[in-house]
């Protein structure tokens, strides 16, 4: 058999290495190849058939339709990843049946698990079911079933929201502003304490509380969240340069001089 000049015949070891390299390349290609929606169909169909459904693909606008006696038809929309259009399609299918699932390939890593948790919550709010398909072995996992959404109210969050609304003076923040530098009720109280110290100099905390109307002035100045205050003696506080600058920039909260969107220290 003719062979290329200057090249010795491949040894058994070389052939083994070459075969291993080819196999590795193929495995890499399989791992990196983008999945197709049709890759999701066999595992999802097998799951539904194991539950007694008759399953067919591409019926009307639906990717999968499953029918079982005495049950509403079940619809599954397939996509290669989470997207707004996938949720749009799921919502549209709810005009046909209440039993609508969306299915995507199961990914790995923190980013996917974070997206999965967020989209599972969204599916529950929309009354959609959610499946993921592990393509390497066809495992289908159901993360949510279609059901009417009943939001759970948080009394703690509601109380905190209304307390902040009641305590905040005026409307110093423009709606939609970033969280950094917002004028909160706590910051307004700090400005009131700063105003008293600016006028009186180092002062006992009890006097600051009385003059400013901030009941918890001592705790506020001791915590010194913004770095505006310093304790010069037991129970006596003074205003730092940073506090004077903040007072000049943000103004007196009781004079209506806190402009919407003002920036400063932490909220």
C-alpha atoms as a PDB file:
ATOM      1  CA  UNK A   1       0.000   0.000   0.000  1.00  0.00           C
ATOM      2  CA  UNK A   2       1.406   3.417  -0.981  1.00  0.00           C
ATOM      3  CA  UNK A   3       2.195   5.854   1.794  1.00  0.00           C
ATOM      4  CA  UNK A   4       3.422   9.409   1.942  1.00  0.00           C
ATOM      5  CA  UNK A   5       7.204   9.652   1.563  1.00  0.00           C
ATOM      6  CA  UNK A   6       9.201  10.343   4.698  1.00  0.00           C
ATOM      7  CA  UNK A   7       6.421   9.267   7.095  1.00  0.00           C
ATOM      8  CA  UNK A   8       6.569   6.055   9.073  1.00  0.00           C
ATOM      9  CA  UNK A   9       3.423   3.922   9.475  1.00  0.00           C
ATOM     10  CA  UNK A  10       1.276   4.933  12.444  1.00  0.00           C
ATOM     11  CA  UNK A  11       1.809   2.813  15.485  1.00  0.00           C
ATOM     12  CA  UNK A  12      -1.025   1.307  17.516  1.00  0.00           C
ATOM     13  CA  UNK A  13      -0.419   3.937  20.205  1.00  0.00           C
ATOM     14  CA  UNK A  14      -0.639   6.784  17.677  1.00  0.00           C
ATOM     15  CA  UNK A  15      -3.881   5.390  16.252  1.00  0.00           C
ATOM     16  CA  UNK A  16      -5.316   5.184  19.781  1.00  0.00           C
ATOM     17  CA  UNK A  17      -4.365   8.795  20.520  1.00  0.00           C
ATOM     18  CA  UNK A  18      -5.869   9.942  17.210  1.00  0.00           C
ATOM     19  CA  UNK A  19      -9.127   8.093  17.912  1.00  0.00           C
ATOM     20  CA  UNK A  20      -9.296   9.622  21.405  1.00  0.00           C
ATOM     21  CA  UNK A  21      -8.707  13.105  19.963  1.00  0.00           C
ATOM     22  CA  UNK A  22     -11.485  12.623  17.388  1.00  0.00           C
ATOM     23  CA  UNK A  23     -13.869  11.427  20.076  1.00  0.00           C
ATOM     24  CA  UNK A  24     -13.008  14.440  22.242  1.00  0.00           C
ATOM     25  CA  UNK A  25     -13.653  16.816  19.338  1.00  0.00           C
ATOM     26  CA  UNK A  26     -17.037  15.210  18.676  1.00  0.00           C
ATOM     27  CA  UNK A  27     -18.013  15.437  22.348  1.00  0.00           C
ATOM     28  CA  UNK A  28     -16.999  19.117  22.410  1.00  0.00           C
ATOM     29  CA  UNK A  29     -19.080  19.813  19.308  1.00  0.00           C
ATOM     30  CA  UNK A  30     -22.068  18.062  20.870  1.00  0.00           C
ATOM     31  CA  UNK A  31     -21.710  20.092  24.061  1.00  0.00           C
ATOM     32  CA  UNK A  32     -21.351  23.428  22.253  1.00  0.00           C
ATOM     33  CA  UNK A  33     -23.975  22.812  19.542  1.00  0.00           C
ATOM     34  CA  UNK A  34     -26.988  25.013  20.075  1.00  0.00           C
ATOM     35  CA  UNK A  35     -30.038  22.930  20.996  1.00  0.00           C
ATOM     36  CA  UNK A  36     -33.098  22.976  18.774  1.00  0.00           C
ATOM     37  CA  UNK A  37     -36.717  23.084  19.832  1.00  0.00           C
ATOM     38  CA  UNK A  38     -37.208  19.686  18.228  1.00  0.00           C
ATOM     39  CA  UNK A  39     -34.630  18.253  20.684  1.00  0.00           C
ATOM     40  CA  UNK A  40     -37.089  18.956  23.497  1.00  0.00           C
ATOM     41  CA  UNK A  41     -40.014  17.159  21.853  1.00  0.00           C
ATOM     42  CA  UNK A  42     -39.160  13.457  22.460  1.00  0.00           C
ATOM     43  CA  UNK A  43     -38.495  13.783  26.229  1.00  0.00           C
ATOM     44  CA  UNK A  44     -41.583  15.932  26.833  1.00  0.00           C
ATOM     45  CA  UNK A  45     -43.729  13.613  24.707  1.00  0.00           C
ATOM     46  CA  UNK A  46     -42.442  10.569  26.617  1.00  0.00           C
ATOM     47  CA  UNK A  47     -43.287  12.206  29.962  1.00  0.00           C
ATOM     48  CA  UNK A  48     -46.829  13.075  28.888  1.00  0.00           C
ATOM     49  CA  UNK A  49     -47.447   9.648  27.364  1.00  0.00           C
ATOM     50  CA  UNK A  50     -46.326   8.038  30.630  1.00  0.00           C
ATOM     51  CA  UNK A  51     -49.157   9.984  32.286  1.00  0.00           C
ATOM     52  CA  UNK A  52     -51.754   8.624  29.895  1.00  0.00           C
ATOM     53  CA  UNK A  53     -51.880  11.432  27.329  1.00  0.00           C
ATOM     54  CA  UNK A  54     -52.093  11.017  23.570  1.00  0.00           C
ATOM     55  CA  UNK A  55     -49.482  13.466  22.258  1.00  0.00           C
ATOM     56  CA  UNK A  56     -49.013  15.125  18.868  1.00  0.00           C
ATOM     57  CA  UNK A  57     -46.681  17.875  17.708  1.00  0.00           C
ATOM     58  CA  UNK A  58     -47.428  21.059  15.771  1.00  0.00           C
ATOM     59  CA  UNK A  59     -51.207  21.102  16.047  1.00  0.00           C
ATOM     60  CA  UNK A  60     -52.403  24.513  14.915  1.00  0.00           C
ATOM     61  CA  UNK A  61     -50.200  27.165  16.523  1.00  0.00           C
ATOM     62  CA  UNK A  62     -49.175  24.911  19.437  1.00  0.00           C
ATOM     63  CA  UNK A  63     -45.836  23.073  19.556  1.00  0.00           C
ATOM     64  CA  UNK A  64     -47.296  20.149  21.525  1.00  0.00           C
ATOM     65  CA  UNK A  65     -50.886  19.171  22.220  1.00  0.00           C
ATOM     66  CA  UNK A  66     -51.689  16.350  24.645  1.00  0.00           C
ATOM     67  CA  UNK A  67     -55.187  14.943  25.178  1.00  0.00           C
ATOM     68  CA  UNK A  68     -56.488  12.648  27.899  1.00  0.00           C
ATOM     69  CA  UNK A  69     -60.049  11.511  28.516  1.00  0.00           C
ATOM     70  CA  UNK A  70     -62.087  13.783  30.797  1.00  0.00           C
ATOM     71  CA  UNK A  71     -59.285  16.406  30.931  1.00  0.00           C
ATOM     72  CA  UNK A  72     -58.733  19.769  29.285  1.00  0.00           C
ATOM     73  CA  UNK A  73     -56.210  19.617  26.450  1.00  0.00           C
ATOM     74  CA  UNK A  74     -52.641  20.258  27.571  1.00  0.00           C
ATOM     75  CA  UNK A  75     -50.417  22.555  25.492  1.00  0.00           C
ATOM     76  CA  UNK A  76     -46.633  22.893  25.680  1.00  0.00           C
ATOM     77  CA  UNK A  77     -44.643  25.663  24.000  1.00  0.00           C
ATOM     78  CA  UNK A  78     -40.993  24.809  23.319  1.00  0.00           C
ATOM     79  CA  UNK A  79     -38.094  27.255  23.168  1.00  0.00           C
ATOM     80  CA  UNK A  80     -34.318  26.971  23.359  1.00  0.00           C
ATOM     81  CA  UNK A  81     -34.192  29.537  26.169  1.00  0.00           C
ATOM     82  CA  UNK A  82     -36.254  31.955  28.219  1.00  0.00           C
ATOM     83  CA  UNK A  83     -37.531  34.931  26.241  1.00  0.00           C
ATOM     84  CA  UNK A  84     -40.371  37.419  26.259  1.00  0.00           C
ATOM     85  CA  UNK A  85     -41.823  35.845  23.108  1.00  0.00           C
ATOM     86  CA  UNK A  86     -42.036  32.494  24.901  1.00  0.00           C
ATOM     87  CA  UNK A  87     -44.217  33.997  27.619  1.00  0.00           C
ATOM     88  CA  UNK A  88     -46.294  35.791  24.971  1.00  0.00           C
ATOM     89  CA  UNK A  89     -46.935  32.470  23.249  1.00  0.00           C
ATOM     90  CA  UNK A  90     -47.837  30.798  26.515  1.00  0.00           C
ATOM     91  CA  UNK A  91     -50.365  33.519  27.331  1.00  0.00           C
ATOM     92  CA  UNK A  92     -51.870  33.261  23.843  1.00  0.00           C
ATOM     93  CA  UNK A  93     -52.365  29.503  24.289  1.00  0.00           C
ATOM     94  CA  UNK A  94     -54.379  30.189  27.452  1.00  0.00           C
ATOM     95  CA  UNK A  95     -57.181  31.254  25.109  1.00  0.00           C
ATOM     96  CA  UNK A  96     -57.378  27.555  24.134  1.00  0.00           C
ATOM     97  CA  UNK A  97     -56.886  25.849  27.493  1.00  0.00           C
ATOM     98  CA  UNK A  98     -55.966  26.611  31.087  1.00  0.00           C
ATOM     99  CA  UNK A  99     -53.313  23.861  31.060  1.00  0.00           C
ATOM    100  CA  UNK A 100     -50.364  25.508  29.314  1.00  0.00           C
ATOM    101  CA  UNK A 101     -46.682  24.756  29.956  1.00  0.00           C
ATOM    102  CA  UNK A 102     -43.522  26.300  28.571  1.00  0.00           C
ATOM    103  CA  UNK A 103     -40.408  24.129  28.223  1.00  0.00           C
ATOM    104  CA  UNK A 104     -36.731  25.062  27.834  1.00  0.00           C
ATOM    105  CA  UNK A 105     -33.425  23.148  27.981  1.00  0.00           C
ATOM    106  CA  UNK A 106     -31.987  22.878  31.486  1.00  0.00           C
ATOM    107  CA  UNK A 107     -28.751  24.817  31.771  1.00  0.00           C
ATOM    108  CA  UNK A 108     -25.996  24.843  34.367  1.00  0.00           C
ATOM    109  CA  UNK A 109     -24.307  27.431  36.508  1.00  0.00           C
ATOM    110  CA  UNK A 110     -25.439  30.177  38.828  1.00  0.00           C
ATOM    111  CA  UNK A 111     -26.797  32.434  36.073  1.00  0.00           C
ATOM    112  CA  UNK A 112     -29.175  29.763  34.781  1.00  0.00           C
ATOM    113  CA  UNK A 113     -30.413  28.823  38.257  1.00  0.00           C
ATOM    114  CA  UNK A 114     -31.051  32.485  39.030  1.00  0.00           C
ATOM    115  CA  UNK A 115     -32.988  32.869  35.763  1.00  0.00           C
ATOM    116  CA  UNK A 116     -34.880  29.638  36.488  1.00  0.00           C
ATOM    117  CA  UNK A 117     -36.000  30.863  39.915  1.00  0.00           C
ATOM    118  CA  UNK A 118     -37.114  34.243  38.521  1.00  0.00           C
ATOM    119  CA  UNK A 119     -38.979  32.708  35.581  1.00  0.00           C
ATOM    120  CA  UNK A 120     -40.617  30.056  37.756  1.00  0.00           C
ATOM    121  CA  UNK A 121     -42.029  32.887  39.857  1.00  0.00           C
ATOM    122  CA  UNK A 122     -43.180  34.689  36.697  1.00  0.00           C
ATOM    123  CA  UNK A 123     -44.879  31.528  35.400  1.00  0.00           C
ATOM    124  CA  UNK A 124     -46.825  31.186  38.649  1.00  0.00           C
ATOM    125  CA  UNK A 125     -47.993  34.793  38.360  1.00  0.00           C
ATOM    126  CA  UNK A 126     -49.132  34.197  34.773  1.00  0.00           C
ATOM    127  CA  UNK A 127     -50.807  30.871  35.544  1.00  0.00           C
ATOM    128  CA  UNK A 128     -48.363  28.982  33.298  1.00  0.00           C
ATOM    129  CA  UNK A 129     -46.561  25.702  33.943  1.00  0.00           C
ATOM    130  CA  UNK A 130     -42.801  25.376  33.487  1.00  0.00           C
ATOM    131  CA  UNK A 131     -40.673  22.386  32.447  1.00  0.00           C
ATOM    132  CA  UNK A 132     -36.940  22.049  31.884  1.00  0.00           C
ATOM    133  CA  UNK A 133     -35.345  19.303  29.795  1.00  0.00           C
ATOM    134  CA  UNK A 134     -31.854  17.973  30.516  1.00  0.00           C
ATOM    135  CA  UNK A 135     -30.787  17.117  26.983  1.00  0.00           C
ATOM    136  CA  UNK A 136     -27.919  14.789  27.859  1.00  0.00           C
ATOM    137  CA  UNK A 137     -30.287  12.177  29.277  1.00  0.00           C
ATOM    138  CA  UNK A 138     -33.798  13.477  28.483  1.00  0.00           C
ATOM    139  CA  UNK A 139     -34.763  14.156  32.106  1.00  0.00           C
ATOM    140  CA  UNK A 140     -37.838  16.415  32.270  1.00  0.00           C
ATOM    141  CA  UNK A 141     -38.439  18.352  35.478  1.00  0.00           C
ATOM    142  CA  UNK A 142     -41.679  20.202  36.206  1.00  0.00           C
ATOM    143  CA  UNK A 143     -41.000  23.372  38.229  1.00  0.00           C
ATOM    144  CA  UNK A 144     -44.521  24.814  38.198  1.00  0.00           C
ATOM    145  CA  UNK A 145     -47.980  23.611  37.240  1.00  0.00           C
ATOM    146  CA  UNK A 146     -50.640  25.881  35.700  1.00  0.00           C
ATOM    147  CA  UNK A 147     -52.858  27.350  38.429  1.00  0.00           C
ATOM    148  CA  UNK A 148     -54.544  30.663  39.270  1.00  0.00           C
ATOM    149  CA  UNK A 149     -52.099  33.018  40.961  1.00  0.00           C
ATOM    150  CA  UNK A 150     -52.877  34.013  44.530  1.00  0.00           C
ATOM    151  CA  UNK A 151     -50.260  36.538  45.723  1.00  0.00           C
ATOM    152  CA  UNK A 152     -49.261  36.338  49.377  1.00  0.00           C
ATOM    153  CA  UNK A 153     -49.381  39.712  51.062  1.00  0.00           C
ATOM    154  CA  UNK A 154     -46.578  40.740  53.428  1.00  0.00           C
ATOM    155  CA  UNK A 155     -47.903  42.714  56.386  1.00  0.00           C
ATOM    156  CA  UNK A 156     -44.339  43.607  57.395  1.00  0.00           C
ATOM    157  CA  UNK A 157     -43.534  45.115  53.998  1.00  0.00           C
ATOM    158  CA  UNK A 158     -46.850  46.949  53.887  1.00  0.00           C
ATOM    159  CA  UNK A 159     -46.297  48.405  57.378  1.00  0.00           C
ATOM    160  CA  UNK A 160     -42.740  49.474  56.485  1.00  0.00           C
ATOM    161  CA  UNK A 161     -43.964  51.132  53.284  1.00  0.00           C
ATOM    162  CA  UNK A 162     -46.719  53.109  55.013  1.00  0.00           C
ATOM    163  CA  UNK A 163     -44.411  54.092  57.885  1.00  0.00           C
ATOM    164  CA  UNK A 164     -41.873  55.549  55.483  1.00  0.00           C
ATOM    165  CA  UNK A 165     -44.640  57.373  53.605  1.00  0.00           C
ATOM    166  CA  UNK A 166     -46.001  58.899  56.799  1.00  0.00           C
ATOM    167  CA  UNK A 167     -42.613  59.926  58.203  1.00  0.00           C
ATOM    168  CA  UNK A 168     -41.188  61.468  55.038  1.00  0.00           C
ATOM    169  CA  UNK A 169     -41.687  65.229  54.783  1.00  0.00           C
ATOM    170  CA  UNK A 170     -42.854  66.514  51.408  1.00  0.00           C
ATOM    171  CA  UNK A 171     -42.050  64.744  48.126  1.00  0.00           C
ATOM    172  CA  UNK A 172     -38.289  65.219  47.665  1.00  0.00           C
ATOM    173  CA  UNK A 173     -37.649  62.368  45.187  1.00  0.00           C
ATOM    174  CA  UNK A 174     -38.621  62.121  41.539  1.00  0.00           C
ATOM    175  CA  UNK A 175     -40.380  58.811  40.826  1.00  0.00           C
ATOM    176  CA  UNK A 176     -38.088  56.443  38.920  1.00  0.00           C
ATOM    177  CA  UNK A 177     -34.870  57.854  40.407  1.00  0.00           C
ATOM    178  CA  UNK A 178     -32.085  55.428  41.302  1.00  0.00           C
ATOM    179  CA  UNK A 179     -31.952  54.147  44.877  1.00  0.00           C
ATOM    180  CA  UNK A 180     -28.575  55.760  45.552  1.00  0.00           C
ATOM    181  CA  UNK A 181     -28.934  59.116  47.279  1.00  0.00           C
ATOM    182  CA  UNK A 182     -32.711  59.075  47.751  1.00  0.00           C
ATOM    183  CA  UNK A 183     -34.094  61.403  50.408  1.00  0.00           C
ATOM    184  CA  UNK A 184     -35.565  59.032  52.994  1.00  0.00           C
ATOM    185  CA  UNK A 185     -37.301  59.861  56.277  1.00  0.00           C
ATOM    186  CA  UNK A 186     -34.131  58.707  58.076  1.00  0.00           C
ATOM    187  CA  UNK A 187     -31.985  61.114  56.078  1.00  0.00           C
ATOM    188  CA  UNK A 188     -34.432  63.928  56.760  1.00  0.00           C
ATOM    189  CA  UNK A 189     -34.109  63.245  60.503  1.00  0.00           C
ATOM    190  CA  UNK A 190     -30.323  63.302  60.165  1.00  0.00           C
ATOM    191  CA  UNK A 191     -30.558  66.674  58.417  1.00  0.00           C
ATOM    192  CA  UNK A 192     -32.718  67.999  61.259  1.00  0.00           C
ATOM    193  CA  UNK A 193     -30.074  66.958  63.779  1.00  0.00           C
ATOM    194  CA  UNK A 194     -27.382  68.513  61.578  1.00  0.00           C
ATOM    195  CA  UNK A 195     -29.356  71.759  61.391  1.00  0.00           C
ATOM    196  CA  UNK A 196     -29.491  72.006  65.221  1.00  0.00           C
ATOM    197  CA  UNK A 197     -25.774  71.248  65.625  1.00  0.00           C
ATOM    198  CA  UNK A 198     -24.902  73.762  62.899  1.00  0.00           C
ATOM    199  CA  UNK A 199     -26.775  76.454  64.797  1.00  0.00           C
ATOM    200  CA  UNK A 200     -25.777  75.543  68.373  1.00  0.00           C
ATOM    201  CA  UNK A 201     -22.408  73.828  68.008  1.00  0.00           C
ATOM    202  CA  UNK A 202     -21.594  70.790  70.212  1.00  0.00           C
ATOM    203  CA  UNK A 203     -24.819  69.918  72.021  1.00  0.00           C
ATOM    204  CA  UNK A 204     -26.204  67.226  74.316  1.00  0.00           C
ATOM    205  CA  UNK A 205     -28.171  64.580  72.471  1.00  0.00           C
ATOM    206  CA  UNK A 206     -31.277  65.235  74.589  1.00  0.00           C
ATOM    207  CA  UNK A 207     -31.262  68.899  73.542  1.00  0.00           C
ATOM    208  CA  UNK A 208     -30.782  67.944  69.896  1.00  0.00           C
ATOM    209  CA  UNK A 209     -33.770  65.613  70.123  1.00  0.00           C
ATOM    210  CA  UNK A 210     -35.934  68.336  71.654  1.00  0.00           C
ATOM    211  CA  UNK A 211     -34.846  71.092  69.252  1.00  0.00           C
ATOM    212  CA  UNK A 212     -35.043  68.953  66.114  1.00  0.00           C
ATOM    213  CA  UNK A 213     -38.157  66.962  66.967  1.00  0.00           C
ATOM    214  CA  UNK A 214     -36.225  63.744  66.253  1.00  0.00           C
ATOM    215  CA  UNK A 215     -37.112  61.419  69.102  1.00  0.00           C
ATOM    216  CA  UNK A 216     -34.237  59.013  68.403  1.00  0.00           C
ATOM    217  CA  UNK A 217     -31.608  61.683  67.791  1.00  0.00           C
ATOM    218  CA  UNK A 218     -29.091  60.118  70.191  1.00  0.00           C
ATOM    219  CA  UNK A 219     -29.218  56.718  68.447  1.00  0.00           C
ATOM    220  CA  UNK A 220     -29.113  58.355  65.021  1.00  0.00           C
ATOM    221  CA  UNK A 221     -26.017  60.436  65.790  1.00  0.00           C
ATOM    222  CA  UNK A 222     -24.311  57.531  67.566  1.00  0.00           C
ATOM    223  CA  UNK A 223     -24.860  55.262  64.577  1.00  0.00           C
ATOM    224  CA  UNK A 224     -23.482  58.059  62.366  1.00  0.00           C
ATOM    225  CA  UNK A 225     -24.635  56.280  59.220  1.00  0.00           C
ATOM    226  CA  UNK A 226     -23.616  59.142  56.924  1.00  0.00           C
ATOM    227  CA  UNK A 227     -20.450  60.224  58.756  1.00  0.00           C
ATOM    228  CA  UNK A 228     -21.927  63.636  59.569  1.00  0.00           C
ATOM    229  CA  UNK A 229     -21.544  63.593  63.361  1.00  0.00           C
ATOM    230  CA  UNK A 230     -18.842  63.105  65.959  1.00  0.00           C
ATOM    231  CA  UNK A 231     -19.100  62.513  69.699  1.00  0.00           C
ATOM    232  CA  UNK A 232     -16.956  65.076  71.501  1.00  0.00           C
ATOM    233  CA  UNK A 233     -17.893  63.991  75.026  1.00  0.00           C
ATOM    234  CA  UNK A 234     -20.294  61.670  76.783  1.00  0.00           C
ATOM    235  CA  UNK A 235     -23.728  62.355  75.281  1.00  0.00           C
ATOM    236  CA  UNK A 236     -22.461  65.441  73.427  1.00  0.00           C
ATOM    237  CA  UNK A 237     -22.272  65.565  69.623  1.00  0.00           C
ATOM    238  CA  UNK A 238     -20.889  67.998  67.069  1.00  0.00           C
ATOM    239  CA  UNK A 239     -21.299  68.387  63.319  1.00  0.00           C
ATOM    240  CA  UNK A 240     -18.447  67.237  61.059  1.00  0.00           C
ATOM    241  CA  UNK A 241     -17.325  69.060  57.925  1.00  0.00           C
ATOM    242  CA  UNK A 242     -19.035  66.354  55.851  1.00  0.00           C
ATOM    243  CA  UNK A 243     -22.266  67.033  57.742  1.00  0.00           C
ATOM    244  CA  UNK A 244     -21.998  70.789  57.097  1.00  0.00           C
ATOM    245  CA  UNK A 245     -21.467  70.138  53.399  1.00  0.00           C
ATOM    246  CA  UNK A 246     -24.463  67.768  53.276  1.00  0.00           C
ATOM    247  CA  UNK A 247     -26.658  70.314  55.032  1.00  0.00           C
ATOM    248  CA  UNK A 248     -25.622  72.948  52.504  1.00  0.00           C
ATOM    249  CA  UNK A 249     -26.194  70.620  49.570  1.00  0.00           C
ATOM    250  CA  UNK A 250     -29.425  68.945  50.657  1.00  0.00           C
ATOM    251  CA  UNK A 251     -30.960  71.797  52.621  1.00  0.00           C
ATOM    252  CA  UNK A 252     -33.489  71.918  55.419  1.00  0.00           C
ATOM    253  CA  UNK A 253     -36.114  69.180  54.948  1.00  0.00           C
ATOM    254  CA  UNK A 254     -38.709  71.295  56.752  1.00  0.00           C
ATOM    255  CA  UNK A 255     -38.127  74.279  54.455  1.00  0.00           C
ATOM    256  CA  UNK A 256     -39.047  72.364  51.288  1.00  0.00           C
ATOM    257  CA  UNK A 257     -35.536  72.851  49.910  1.00  0.00           C
ATOM    258  CA  UNK A 258     -34.734  69.169  49.248  1.00  0.00           C
ATOM    259  CA  UNK A 259     -34.886  68.928  45.488  1.00  0.00           C
ATOM    260  CA  UNK A 260     -36.125  65.739  43.810  1.00  0.00           C
ATOM    261  CA  UNK A 261     -33.275  63.447  42.820  1.00  0.00           C
ATOM    262  CA  UNK A 262     -30.807  65.032  45.269  1.00  0.00           C
ATOM    263  CA  UNK A 263     -27.698  62.968  45.803  1.00  0.00           C
ATOM    264  CA  UNK A 264     -25.608  62.504  48.876  1.00  0.00           C
ATOM    265  CA  UNK A 265     -24.663  59.676  51.217  1.00  0.00           C
ATOM    266  CA  UNK A 266     -26.356  56.327  51.672  1.00  0.00           C
ATOM    267  CA  UNK A 267     -30.160  56.165  51.677  1.00  0.00           C
END
